[in-house]
C-alpha cells in the first residue's frame, strides 16, 4: 500500500506536466495502466486532517475521515438534512420534551472487537463533559450542554434527561464531532494517541497515516450495515486545485473536492461528473445596532440599499458562492426561496440618509479580517474595499481596519468601529444554530450576537421553535422570525459558500454533503467504464 502511495506522488509530478504539454489521450492511457487497483478508492483533497478523535475535531478535513470510521446514534441521510437511525434503531421523546430515549442496535462491534452498548455511549459522552483539559473538547458543551443526566436502564437503552426542552437535540447527535461513539477500551488505553489511532464502529477501519500525505482506511468486513464493495479508502493530500483536477482526468484518483469553478468547467469538458452544493454557512456585513448611527433601523436599511450584492458576488467571488436571500442557507428548515432581501437602490439609500439627518453624508469605520474564510474565499480586505466603493456613491466615507483572525475576534468583542464583516459555519444544520445563536438577545453577553440585535418578538419565536418538536410548526416560526429580521436589517447578507467536487467517470454512489461529512461506503466502480 505504501509503495502505491509513493507511486501516486511520483506520477502526479511526472505525468501531469506531460498532460499539460501534450494534452493528448496518451497520458490518460498511462494513468490507467499505472493507477490504483480496483480494490482502492482514492480521495484527493487540499489539506490533511488535524485529528481523527471526534471529541477534538474542529474542521472539515477531519470530519471527512471521521465520518467513515465512527458513527453516532443518528446520522444525516446523505444528500439531505433529514435525520435517520444509525447506532440507535429508534427513539422517542417524552411529551414534555425533556426525556429522549434511544433504543440501540444490537450485535454491533467496534473495530477492536469490543461490543457496542449503552455503556459505550455513556463513556463517549462523559469523556468529553469532564475531561482533564475541558478546553480541548470544544463542541461537547454545545452538543450536550442541555443534558442534565444520562441513564442506561439496560445494555441497549440510553436516556438523555434534558434541563429544558430542546428540539434541535437530534441534529446535535448527528454531528460528526463530539457525537460519534468511540471504543471505550481503545480510547482509555491509547489516551492522547487515540486521535491518530481511531477506533469506531463505522464501515472503515483505520490502517495508517502519513502526515500531510495520506490516510489509509480499510473496509470493515464485520460492519453491521452493508459493507463496502472495495477494500481500501485513501485520503490523499494534493494541495493545488488544478493538479487535483488533472489527476482525476488521468485516472490517478477517483474523487476530488475543493475545486474552483474554472476547474469544474474543465472537468465537465473531460466528462467527469461534477457535484455542487451550497455550504451550511453565511457571509455577511453586520451593523453594531447598539451604537450610533446603526441604532437607527433606517440607517441600516439605507446602507443595505447602497450595496450591490449581485455585482460583488460575481466580481469578488467569481461564481464560487451562492447568493444569499436571508440568514438561512438553502436546505435548512425555515429557508424560503421566495424571500426578497432589501433591494439595491442607491437613490433610495440617499433619501433615507437625508431623512435620518445625514444629507451631507457621513464617515464610518468598517472592521474586517485579513484572512480568507470558507464563506469568503476572496478575503475580508477585498470584500471591505468593494463595500467601501459602493458606499462612496451615496456620500459615505469608509475607513477600513483589518486584523488577523484571532485579533479580529477580539475587536468584535469590543464592538470596535461601526460595522463589521463576519460569517458563520453551522454546527448542526438546524436553523436554531443560525438564528438563536447569532441573533437572540440572550447571546449578546456571550459575544455570539455580535450585532447586539434585540427584538422581543423574535426572541419569543426562537424560544417557541426550540420547544416545538413538530417540524412543520418549527418551520413556520422560523419563517416568521426571518421576515422580521429582514425588516430590522441587523445584517446585510452576501452569500453562502459553493462546495464543488468531482469524480472519475463510472464511479457510482458519491454524494456531496453540505455538513462536511463524506459517507463513502456505498461507492461502486462501473467496470465497463473506460479506465476502471
Protein backbone atom coordinates (compact mmCIF):
# COMPACT_ATOMS: atom_id res chain seq x y z
CA UNK A 1 0.00 0.00 0.00
CA UNK A 2 2.77 2.46 0.92
CA UNK A 3 4.53 1.70 -2.35
CA UNK A 4 1.35 2.57 -4.27
CA UNK A 5 1.03 5.85 -2.38
CA UNK A 6 4.59 6.78 -3.33
CA UNK A 7 3.84 5.87 -6.95
CA UNK A 8 0.85 8.26 -6.89
CA UNK A 9 3.04 11.12 -5.66
CA UNK A 10 5.65 10.47 -8.34
CA UNK A 11 3.03 10.17 -11.08
CA UNK A 12 1.46 13.48 -10.09
CA UNK A 13 4.84 15.12 -10.54
CA UNK A 14 5.81 13.35 -13.76
CA UNK A 15 2.60 12.73 -15.69
CA UNK A 16 0.71 15.95 -15.12
CA UNK A 17 3.29 18.27 -16.78
CA UNK A 18 3.26 15.84 -19.72
CA UNK A 19 -0.52 16.12 -19.81
CA UNK A 20 -0.32 19.90 -19.89
CA UNK A 21 2.25 19.86 -22.69
CA UNK A 22 0.69 17.30 -24.99
CA UNK A 23 -2.99 17.45 -23.95
CA UNK A 24 -3.47 14.10 -25.63
CA UNK A 25 -5.06 10.78 -24.79
CA UNK A 26 -1.69 9.01 -24.39
CA UNK A 27 -1.21 10.19 -20.84
CA UNK A 28 -4.69 9.04 -19.88
CA UNK A 29 -3.87 5.54 -21.00
CA UNK A 30 -0.64 5.65 -19.00
CA UNK A 31 -2.54 6.85 -15.93
CA UNK A 32 -4.97 3.95 -16.20
CA UNK A 33 -2.20 1.37 -16.63
CA UNK A 34 -0.22 2.64 -13.64
CA UNK A 35 -3.20 3.69 -11.48
CA UNK A 36 -4.74 2.14 -8.41
CA UNK A 37 -6.04 -1.44 -8.28
CA UNK A 38 -9.80 -1.91 -8.45
CA UNK A 39 -10.00 -2.51 -4.71
CA UNK A 40 -8.98 1.05 -3.78
CA UNK A 41 -10.79 4.39 -3.88
CA UNK A 42 -8.55 7.49 -3.74
CA UNK A 43 -10.00 10.78 -2.48
CA UNK A 44 -7.73 13.77 -3.22
CA UNK A 45 -8.16 16.89 -1.10
CA UNK A 46 -6.34 20.14 -0.40
CA UNK A 47 -5.30 19.62 3.23
CA UNK A 48 -4.72 16.88 5.76
CA UNK A 49 -6.85 16.17 8.83
CA UNK A 50 -5.66 17.51 12.18
CA UNK A 51 -7.11 14.74 14.38
CA UNK A 52 -9.32 11.68 14.00
CA UNK A 53 -10.72 11.88 17.53
CA UNK A 54 -14.34 13.13 17.24
CA UNK A 55 -14.05 14.81 20.64
CA UNK A 56 -11.24 17.09 19.43
CA UNK A 57 -12.04 17.64 15.73
CA UNK A 58 -12.92 21.19 14.70
CA UNK A 59 -12.63 21.30 10.89
CA UNK A 60 -13.99 19.66 7.75
CA UNK A 61 -10.87 17.79 6.70
CA UNK A 62 -11.05 15.83 9.94
CA UNK A 63 -14.82 15.30 9.62
CA UNK A 64 -14.41 13.75 6.16
CA UNK A 65 -12.36 10.89 7.55
CA UNK A 66 -14.07 10.62 10.94
CA UNK A 67 -17.48 10.11 9.32
CA UNK A 68 -16.21 6.90 7.69
CA UNK A 69 -14.62 5.46 10.86
CA UNK A 70 -17.14 6.49 13.52
CA UNK A 71 -20.91 6.58 13.85
CA UNK A 72 -23.40 8.30 16.12
CA UNK A 73 -26.77 7.27 17.44
CA UNK A 74 -28.30 9.02 14.42
CA UNK A 75 -26.92 10.47 11.21
CA UNK A 76 -27.88 12.83 8.42
CA UNK A 77 -29.10 10.96 5.36
CA UNK A 78 -26.56 11.65 2.57
CA UNK A 79 -27.57 14.48 0.27
CA UNK A 80 -30.29 15.74 2.63
CA UNK A 81 -30.80 17.39 6.00
CA UNK A 82 -33.01 14.51 7.17
CA UNK A 83 -32.06 12.65 10.36
CA UNK A 84 -32.12 8.85 10.13
CA UNK A 85 -31.29 5.96 12.51
CA UNK A 86 -27.71 4.75 12.86
CA UNK A 87 -26.39 3.09 16.04
CA UNK A 88 -29.82 3.71 17.53
CA UNK A 89 -32.55 1.81 15.68
CA UNK A 90 -35.30 4.03 17.07
CA UNK A 91 -36.00 6.78 19.59
CA UNK A 92 -38.86 8.58 21.29
CA UNK A 93 -39.28 11.89 23.05
CA UNK A 94 -41.43 12.44 26.14
CA UNK A 95 -44.46 14.71 25.83
CA UNK A 96 -42.69 17.47 27.78
CA UNK A 97 -39.60 17.23 25.55
CA UNK A 98 -37.30 16.55 28.48
CA UNK A 99 -36.55 12.83 28.04
CA UNK A 100 -35.04 11.41 24.86
CA UNK A 101 -34.90 7.60 24.83
CA UNK A 102 -32.76 5.76 22.27
CA UNK A 103 -33.00 2.03 21.55
CA UNK A 104 -29.62 0.77 20.43
CA UNK A 105 -28.71 -1.55 17.62
CA UNK A 106 -27.62 -4.99 18.82
CA UNK A 107 -24.73 -7.19 17.70
CA UNK A 108 -22.53 -4.25 16.74
CA UNK A 109 -18.80 -4.35 17.46
CA UNK A 110 -16.09 -1.74 17.49
CA UNK A 111 -13.10 -2.29 15.22
CA UNK A 112 -11.16 -3.63 18.23
CA UNK A 113 -13.80 -6.37 18.64
CA UNK A 114 -15.29 -4.90 21.84
CA UNK A 115 -19.10 -4.70 21.91
CA UNK A 116 -21.11 -1.55 21.32
CA UNK A 117 -23.69 -0.94 24.06
CA UNK A 118 -25.21 1.70 26.33
CA UNK A 119 -22.09 1.95 28.48
CA UNK A 120 -20.07 2.82 25.37
CA UNK A 121 -22.47 5.71 24.75
CA UNK A 122 -22.09 6.86 28.35
CA UNK A 123 -18.29 6.68 28.09
CA UNK A 124 -18.22 8.70 24.85
CA UNK A 125 -20.31 11.47 26.36
CA UNK A 126 -18.69 11.62 29.78
CA UNK A 127 -15.10 11.60 28.47
CA UNK A 128 -15.88 14.99 26.93
CA UNK A 129 -18.01 16.64 29.60
CA UNK A 130 -15.41 16.21 32.33
CA UNK A 131 -12.03 15.93 30.57
CA UNK A 132 -8.82 16.86 32.32
CA UNK A 133 -8.44 19.71 29.87
CA UNK A 134 -12.01 20.98 29.29
CA UNK A 135 -10.94 23.44 26.58
CA UNK A 136 -9.91 20.59 24.28
CA UNK A 137 -13.40 19.10 23.78
CA UNK A 138 -14.65 22.22 22.01
CA UNK A 139 -18.06 21.00 20.88
CA UNK A 140 -19.03 18.88 23.90
CA UNK A 141 -20.75 21.73 25.72
CA UNK A 142 -22.61 22.73 22.55
CA UNK A 143 -23.90 19.23 21.84
CA UNK A 144 -24.55 18.03 25.38
CA UNK A 145 -24.82 21.28 27.35
CA UNK A 146 -28.58 20.87 27.72
CA UNK A 147 -28.21 17.33 29.13
CA UNK A 148 -28.83 17.02 32.88
CA UNK A 149 -28.39 13.24 33.20
CA UNK A 150 -27.58 10.24 31.03
CA UNK A 151 -29.19 6.96 32.13
CA UNK A 152 -28.57 3.40 30.89
CA UNK A 153 -31.53 1.33 32.18
CA UNK A 154 -30.31 -1.71 30.23
CA UNK A 155 -27.42 -2.54 27.84
CA UNK A 156 -29.37 -1.41 24.78
CA UNK A 157 -31.30 1.62 26.04
CA UNK A 158 -29.98 5.12 26.65
CA UNK A 159 -31.94 8.03 28.12
CA UNK A 160 -30.90 11.66 27.93
CA UNK A 161 -32.66 13.78 30.56
CA UNK A 162 -32.54 17.41 29.45
CA UNK A 163 -32.51 20.52 31.61
CA UNK A 164 -35.04 22.12 29.27
CA UNK A 165 -36.85 21.10 26.06
CA UNK A 166 -34.58 21.45 23.05
CA UNK A 167 -35.91 20.34 19.65
CA UNK A 168 -32.53 20.58 17.80
CA UNK A 169 -31.04 17.92 20.12
CA UNK A 170 -31.42 15.25 17.43
CA UNK A 171 -29.43 17.39 14.99
CA UNK A 172 -26.71 17.73 17.61
CA UNK A 173 -26.44 13.94 17.88
CA UNK A 174 -25.95 13.68 14.11
CA UNK A 175 -22.88 15.94 14.08
CA UNK A 176 -19.52 14.44 13.00
CA UNK A 177 -17.78 15.97 16.01
CA UNK A 178 -18.28 15.04 19.69
CA UNK A 179 -21.44 12.99 18.98
CA UNK A 180 -19.87 9.82 17.42
CA UNK A 181 -19.38 6.84 19.72
CA UNK A 182 -15.79 5.75 20.39
CA UNK A 183 -14.45 2.44 21.67
CA UNK A 184 -14.11 2.77 25.47
CA UNK A 185 -11.33 0.17 25.50
CA UNK A 186 -9.15 1.79 22.84
CA UNK A 187 -9.81 5.37 23.94
CA UNK A 188 -8.84 4.52 27.53
CA UNK A 189 -5.75 2.58 26.51
CA UNK A 190 -4.45 5.00 23.89
CA UNK A 191 -5.25 8.26 25.67
CA UNK A 192 -3.89 11.23 23.70
CA UNK A 193 -2.79 8.87 20.91
CA UNK A 194 -6.41 7.93 20.14
CA UNK A 195 -6.67 10.81 17.64
CA UNK A 196 -4.03 9.18 15.45
CA UNK A 197 -5.23 5.59 16.01
CA UNK A 198 -9.03 5.91 15.99
CA UNK A 199 -11.42 3.01 16.70
CA UNK A 200 -15.13 3.23 15.94
CA UNK A 201 -17.98 1.09 14.59
CA UNK A 202 -18.10 2.51 11.06
CA UNK A 203 -17.72 0.89 7.63
CA UNK A 204 -13.95 1.54 7.56
CA UNK A 205 -11.14 0.75 10.00
CA UNK A 206 -8.06 2.89 10.42
CA UNK A 207 -4.92 1.50 8.74
CA UNK A 208 -2.19 4.17 8.56
CA UNK A 209 -1.49 7.91 8.46
CA UNK A 210 1.42 9.72 6.85
CA UNK A 211 1.02 13.33 8.00
CA UNK A 212 0.33 15.81 5.20
CA UNK A 213 0.37 12.96 2.67
CA UNK A 214 -2.32 10.34 3.10
CA UNK A 215 -4.66 8.48 5.44
CA UNK A 216 -5.43 4.88 4.57
CA UNK A 217 -8.58 3.11 5.75
CA UNK A 218 -9.56 -0.50 5.10
CA UNK A 219 -13.07 -1.87 4.73
CA UNK A 220 -14.68 -3.21 7.91
CA UNK A 221 -15.61 -6.76 6.91
CA UNK A 222 -17.76 -7.15 10.02
CA UNK A 223 -19.72 -3.95 9.53
CA UNK A 224 -23.30 -4.20 10.82
CA UNK A 225 -24.66 -2.45 7.70
CA UNK A 226 -23.90 -3.07 4.06
CA UNK A 227 -20.10 -3.32 3.87
CA UNK A 228 -18.06 -1.53 1.21
CA UNK A 229 -17.57 -3.37 -2.07
CA UNK A 230 -13.93 -2.26 -2.23
CA UNK A 231 -11.04 -2.93 0.12
CA UNK A 232 -9.24 0.37 0.77
CA UNK A 233 -10.12 4.06 1.04
CA UNK A 234 -7.26 6.56 0.72
CA UNK A 235 -7.46 10.27 1.57
CA UNK A 236 -4.59 11.82 -0.39
CA UNK A 237 -3.33 15.40 0.06
CA UNK A 238 -2.80 17.26 -3.25
CA UNK A 239 -2.55 20.96 -2.41
CA UNK A 240 -3.20 22.51 -5.82
CA UNK A 241 -6.76 22.55 -7.21
CA UNK A 242 -5.68 22.23 -10.86
CA UNK A 243 -3.34 19.34 -10.02
CA UNK A 244 -6.22 17.54 -8.31
CA UNK A 245 -8.36 18.10 -11.39
CA UNK A 246 -5.66 16.79 -13.73
CA UNK A 247 -5.01 13.77 -11.51
CA UNK A 248 -8.71 12.95 -11.80
CA UNK A 249 -8.77 13.20 -15.60
CA UNK A 250 -5.87 10.76 -15.96
CA UNK A 251 -7.46 8.26 -13.55
CA UNK A 252 -4.90 8.57 -10.76
CA UNK A 253 -7.59 9.48 -8.21
CA UNK A 254 -11.31 8.76 -8.03
CA UNK A 255 -12.74 11.75 -6.12
CA UNK A 256 -11.59 15.34 -5.62
CA UNK A 257 -13.08 18.33 -3.81
CA UNK A 258 -12.21 21.94 -3.05
CA UNK A 259 -12.01 22.77 -6.75
CA UNK A 260 -12.61 26.15 -8.38
CA UNK A 261 -15.50 26.91 -10.77
CA UNK A 262 -12.94 27.07 -13.60
CA UNK A 263 -11.66 23.60 -12.73
CA UNK A 264 -15.25 22.37 -12.56
CA UNK A 265 -15.87 23.54 -16.13
CA UNK A 266 -12.61 21.91 -17.25
CA UNK A 267 -13.65 18.60 -15.68
CA UNK A 268 -17.10 18.69 -17.24
CA UNK A 269 -15.42 19.07 -20.63
CA UNK A 270 -13.46 15.90 -19.79
CA UNK A 271 -16.75 14.07 -18.97
CA UNK A 272 -16.02 13.91 -15.24
CA UNK A 273 -19.22 14.26 -13.16
CA UNK A 274 -19.20 17.46 -11.10
CA UNK A 275 -21.25 17.91 -7.91
CA UNK A 276 -22.15 21.16 -6.18
CA UNK A 277 -23.95 22.20 -3.01
CA UNK A 278 -24.42 25.43 -1.07
CA UNK A 279 -22.48 25.31 2.18
CA UNK A 280 -24.15 25.44 5.59
CA UNK A 281 -22.67 28.88 6.18
CA UNK A 282 -23.24 32.59 5.69
CA UNK A 283 -21.13 35.62 4.74
CA UNK A 284 -22.48 38.96 6.00
CA UNK A 285 -21.90 42.60 6.86
CA UNK A 286 -23.04 43.29 10.41
CA UNK A 287 -24.06 46.59 11.97
CA UNK A 288 -23.45 47.42 15.65
CA UNK A 289 -27.10 48.10 16.44
CA UNK A 290 -26.38 49.37 19.97
CA UNK A 291 -24.27 52.29 18.68
CA UNK A 292 -24.94 55.32 16.50
CA UNK A 293 -25.57 55.55 13.62
CA UNK A 294 -26.81 51.96 13.33
CA UNK A 295 -29.10 52.02 16.34
CA UNK A 296 -31.46 53.54 13.75
CA UNK A 297 -33.09 50.89 11.52
CA UNK A 298 -33.45 53.45 8.71
CA UNK A 299 -29.66 53.80 8.61
CA UNK A 300 -29.17 50.06 8.45
CA UNK A 301 -31.66 49.83 5.61
CA UNK A 302 -30.02 52.75 3.79
CA UNK A 303 -26.61 51.09 3.87
CA UNK A 304 -28.15 47.80 2.72
CA UNK A 305 -29.76 49.57 -0.25
CA UNK A 306 -26.39 51.06 -1.23
CA UNK A 307 -24.53 47.75 -1.65
CA UNK A 308 -24.77 45.85 -4.94
CA UNK A 309 -24.89 42.25 -3.72
CA UNK A 310 -25.04 40.61 -7.15
CA UNK A 311 -22.14 42.65 -8.53
CA UNK A 312 -19.95 41.88 -5.53
CA UNK A 313 -20.75 38.17 -5.64
CA UNK A 314 -19.97 37.93 -9.36
CA UNK A 315 -16.81 40.06 -9.37
CA UNK A 316 -15.26 39.38 -5.97
CA UNK A 317 -16.19 35.72 -5.55
CA UNK A 318 -16.22 34.86 -9.28
CA UNK A 319 -19.04 32.26 -9.15
CA UNK A 320 -17.53 30.48 -6.13
CA UNK A 321 -20.59 31.19 -4.00
CA UNK A 322 -24.38 31.01 -3.80
CA UNK A 323 -26.16 34.34 -3.39
CA UNK A 324 -27.97 34.66 -0.05
CA UNK A 325 -31.50 36.00 0.33
CA UNK A 326 -31.54 35.83 4.14
CA UNK A 327 -29.78 34.39 7.17
CA UNK A 328 -30.51 30.72 6.36
CA UNK A 329 -28.82 28.65 3.62
CA UNK A 330 -30.91 26.64 1.14
CA UNK A 331 -32.00 23.28 2.53
CA UNK A 332 -32.16 24.43 6.16
CA UNK A 333 -35.56 24.27 7.86
CA UNK A 334 -37.21 27.68 7.57
CA UNK A 335 -35.38 28.71 4.40
CA UNK A 336 -37.79 30.37 1.97
CA UNK A 337 -36.65 30.69 -1.66
CA UNK A 338 -39.24 33.45 -2.17
CA UNK A 339 -37.67 35.71 0.45
CA UNK A 340 -36.62 39.01 -1.10
CA UNK A 341 -33.85 40.93 0.67
CA UNK A 342 -33.69 44.73 0.71
CA UNK A 343 -33.13 45.68 -2.97
CA UNK A 344 -30.17 47.56 -4.39
CA UNK A 345 -31.36 51.17 -4.64
CA UNK A 346 -28.69 53.89 -4.23
CA UNK A 347 -31.21 56.70 -4.80
CA UNK A 348 -33.49 55.34 -2.12
CA UNK A 349 -30.48 54.96 0.18
CA UNK A 350 -29.64 58.67 -0.22
CA UNK A 351 -33.22 59.61 0.65
CA UNK A 352 -33.11 57.54 3.84
CA UNK A 353 -29.79 59.10 4.82
CA UNK A 354 -31.26 62.59 4.32
CA UNK A 355 -34.34 61.70 6.37
CA UNK A 356 -32.03 60.47 9.16
CA UNK A 357 -30.11 63.76 9.21
CA UNK A 358 -27.16 62.77 7.03
CA UNK A 359 -27.91 64.64 3.81
CA UNK A 360 -24.24 65.66 3.61
CA UNK A 361 -23.04 62.08 4.12
CA UNK A 362 -21.01 60.65 7.00
CA UNK A 363 -17.91 58.68 7.86
CA UNK A 364 -17.89 55.17 9.34
CA UNK A 365 -15.27 52.63 10.37
CA UNK A 366 -15.61 49.11 8.97
CA UNK A 367 -13.55 46.40 10.67
CA UNK A 368 -12.63 43.18 8.90
CA UNK A 369 -10.23 40.24 8.88
CA UNK A 370 -7.11 39.83 6.75
CA UNK A 371 -7.66 36.11 6.15
CA UNK A 372 -9.81 34.24 3.68
CA UNK A 373 -12.73 32.25 5.08
CA UNK A 374 -14.72 29.28 3.69
CA UNK A 375 -17.66 31.64 3.07
CA UNK A 376 -15.35 34.40 1.77
CA UNK A 377 -12.58 32.98 -0.44
CA UNK A 378 -11.63 36.49 -1.57
CA UNK A 379 -10.63 37.60 1.92
CA UNK A 380 -12.00 40.26 4.25
CA UNK A 381 -9.99 43.21 2.95
CA UNK A 382 -11.02 42.69 -0.66
CA UNK A 383 -14.69 42.47 0.29
CA UNK A 384 -14.41 45.54 2.51
CA UNK A 385 -12.86 47.52 -0.35
CA UNK A 386 -15.79 46.62 -2.64
CA UNK A 387 -18.26 47.73 0.04
CA UNK A 388 -16.34 50.99 0.50
CA UNK A 389 -16.70 51.74 -3.22
CA UNK A 390 -20.46 51.18 -3.15
CA UNK A 391 -20.96 53.31 -0.05
CA UNK A 392 -18.98 56.15 -1.60
CA UNK A 393 -21.72 56.53 -4.24
CA UNK A 394 -24.17 57.65 -1.51
CA UNK A 395 -21.73 60.00 0.19
CA UNK A 396 -20.37 57.66 2.86
CA UNK A 397 -16.64 57.71 3.61
CA UNK A 398 -15.44 54.35 4.92
CA UNK A 399 -12.29 53.72 6.93
CA UNK A 400 -11.24 50.05 6.81
CA UNK A 401 -9.39 48.43 9.70
CA UNK A 402 -8.19 44.86 9.10
CA UNK A 403 -6.80 42.39 11.63
CA UNK A 404 -5.53 38.79 11.63
CA UNK A 405 -8.36 36.40 12.53
CA UNK A 406 -7.74 35.93 16.27
CA UNK A 407 -7.06 39.62 16.83
CA UNK A 408 -10.12 40.44 14.75
CA UNK A 409 -12.39 38.41 17.02
CA UNK A 410 -11.10 40.45 19.97
CA UNK A 411 -12.01 43.66 18.12
CA UNK A 412 -15.51 42.27 17.57
CA UNK A 413 -15.99 41.57 21.25
CA UNK A 414 -15.07 45.19 21.95
CA UNK A 415 -17.55 46.37 19.26
CA UNK A 416 -14.76 48.33 17.62
CA UNK A 417 -15.83 50.61 14.77
CA UNK A 418 -19.36 50.94 13.41
CA UNK A 419 -19.82 47.85 11.22
CA UNK A 420 -18.01 44.59 10.62
CA UNK A 421 -17.57 41.71 8.19
CA UNK A 422 -18.21 38.26 9.60
CA UNK A 423 -19.71 34.88 8.83
CA UNK A 424 -20.93 31.66 10.35
CA UNK A 425 -20.45 27.96 9.62
CA UNK A 426 -23.29 25.87 11.01
CA UNK A 427 -22.51 23.27 13.63
CA UNK A 428 -25.58 21.05 13.29
CA UNK A 429 -27.55 22.23 10.25
CA UNK A 430 -30.52 23.35 12.36
CA UNK A 431 -31.92 26.89 11.95
CA UNK A 432 -31.58 27.40 15.70
CA UNK A 433 -27.81 27.29 15.23
CA UNK A 434 -28.00 30.28 12.88
CA UNK A 435 -30.85 32.34 14.30
CA UNK A 436 -30.93 31.84 18.06
CA UNK A 437 -27.14 31.53 18.30
CA UNK A 438 -26.39 34.69 16.36
CA UNK A 439 -29.43 36.94 16.81
CA UNK A 440 -31.06 36.15 20.15
CA UNK A 441 -30.65 38.93 22.70
CA UNK A 442 -29.64 36.27 25.22
CA UNK A 443 -26.49 35.68 23.15
CA UNK A 444 -25.23 39.27 23.38
CA UNK A 445 -23.33 38.65 26.60
CA UNK A 446 -21.63 35.54 25.16
CA UNK A 447 -20.39 37.57 22.19
CA UNK A 448 -22.14 35.40 19.60
CA UNK A 449 -24.76 38.07 18.86
CA UNK A 450 -22.08 40.43 17.61
CA UNK A 451 -24.56 42.95 16.23
CA UNK A 452 -26.20 43.35 19.67
CA UNK A 453 -29.53 42.91 17.91
CA UNK A 454 -32.62 42.93 20.15
CA UNK A 455 -36.22 42.19 19.25
CA UNK A 456 -38.51 40.69 21.90
CA UNK A 457 -40.89 39.17 19.33
CA UNK A 458 -38.01 37.47 17.56
CA UNK A 459 -36.65 36.20 20.88
CA UNK A 460 -40.00 34.59 21.69
CA UNK A 461 -40.20 32.97 18.25
CA UNK A 462 -36.75 31.45 18.78
CA UNK A 463 -37.72 30.01 22.18
CA UNK A 464 -41.02 28.66 20.81
CA UNK A 465 -39.14 26.95 18.00
CA UNK A 466 -36.75 25.32 20.46
CA UNK A 467 -39.69 23.91 22.41
CA UNK A 468 -41.65 22.75 19.35
CA UNK A 469 -40.89 19.21 18.14
CA UNK A 470 -43.17 19.22 15.07
CA UNK A 471 -41.03 20.24 12.04
CA UNK A 472 -43.86 21.96 10.17
CA UNK A 473 -44.68 24.22 13.09
CA UNK A 474 -41.00 24.96 13.71
CA UNK A 475 -40.62 25.94 10.08
CA UNK A 476 -43.44 28.47 10.31
CA UNK A 477 -41.93 30.01 13.44
CA UNK A 478 -38.56 30.43 11.77
CA UNK A 479 -40.05 31.87 8.59
CA UNK A 480 -41.89 34.48 10.64
CA UNK A 481 -38.70 35.33 12.52
CA UNK A 482 -36.71 35.68 9.28
CA UNK A 483 -39.24 38.17 7.88
CA UNK A 484 -38.93 40.37 10.96
CA UNK A 485 -35.14 40.15 10.89
CA UNK A 486 -35.13 41.16 7.22
CA UNK A 487 -37.10 44.31 8.10
CA UNK A 488 -34.86 45.13 11.05
CA UNK A 489 -31.73 44.65 8.90
CA UNK A 490 -29.09 43.96 11.58
CA UNK A 491 -27.08 42.30 8.78
CA UNK A 492 -26.54 42.68 5.06
CA UNK A 493 -26.18 39.11 3.77
CA UNK A 494 -23.90 38.35 0.83
CA UNK A 495 -23.58 34.66 0.11
CA UNK A 496 -23.13 31.06 1.13
CA UNK A 497 -20.08 29.10 0.01
CA UNK A 498 -20.31 26.82 -3.01
CA UNK A 499 -18.96 23.34 -2.39
CA UNK A 500 -17.63 21.63 -5.53
CA UNK A 501 -16.46 18.05 -6.00
CA UNK A 502 -15.93 15.73 -8.95
CA UNK A 503 -15.49 12.01 -9.62
CA UNK A 504 -13.89 9.90 -12.30
CA UNK A 505 -16.39 8.63 -14.92
CA UNK A 506 -18.08 5.42 -13.84
CA UNK A 507 -17.81 5.94 -10.09
CA UNK A 508 -21.30 5.50 -8.66
CA UNK A 509 -22.85 6.36 -5.32
CA UNK A 510 -20.99 9.57 -4.45
CA UNK A 511 -22.97 12.30 -2.67
CA UNK A 512 -21.65 15.75 -1.81
CA UNK A 513 -22.94 16.71 1.63
CA UNK A 514 -23.20 20.24 2.97
CA UNK A 515 -22.23 19.37 6.54
CA UNK A 516 -18.62 18.34 5.89
CA UNK A 517 -19.17 14.59 6.15
CA UNK A 518 -18.42 12.11 3.37
CA UNK A 519 -20.08 8.71 3.71
CA UNK A 520 -18.17 6.67 1.14
CA UNK A 521 -19.20 3.11 1.98
CA UNK A 522 -21.69 2.81 -0.89
CA UNK A 523 -19.32 3.73 -3.73
CA UNK A 524 -19.10 1.42 -6.73
CA UNK A 525 -16.80 1.37 -9.72
CA UNK A 526 -18.53 0.60 -13.01
CA UNK A 527 -16.16 -1.90 -14.61
CA UNK A 528 -17.49 -1.14 -18.09
CA UNK A 529 -16.39 2.49 -17.87
CA UNK A 530 -13.13 3.45 -19.58
CA UNK A 531 -10.17 3.24 -17.26
CA UNK A 532 -11.88 1.45 -14.40
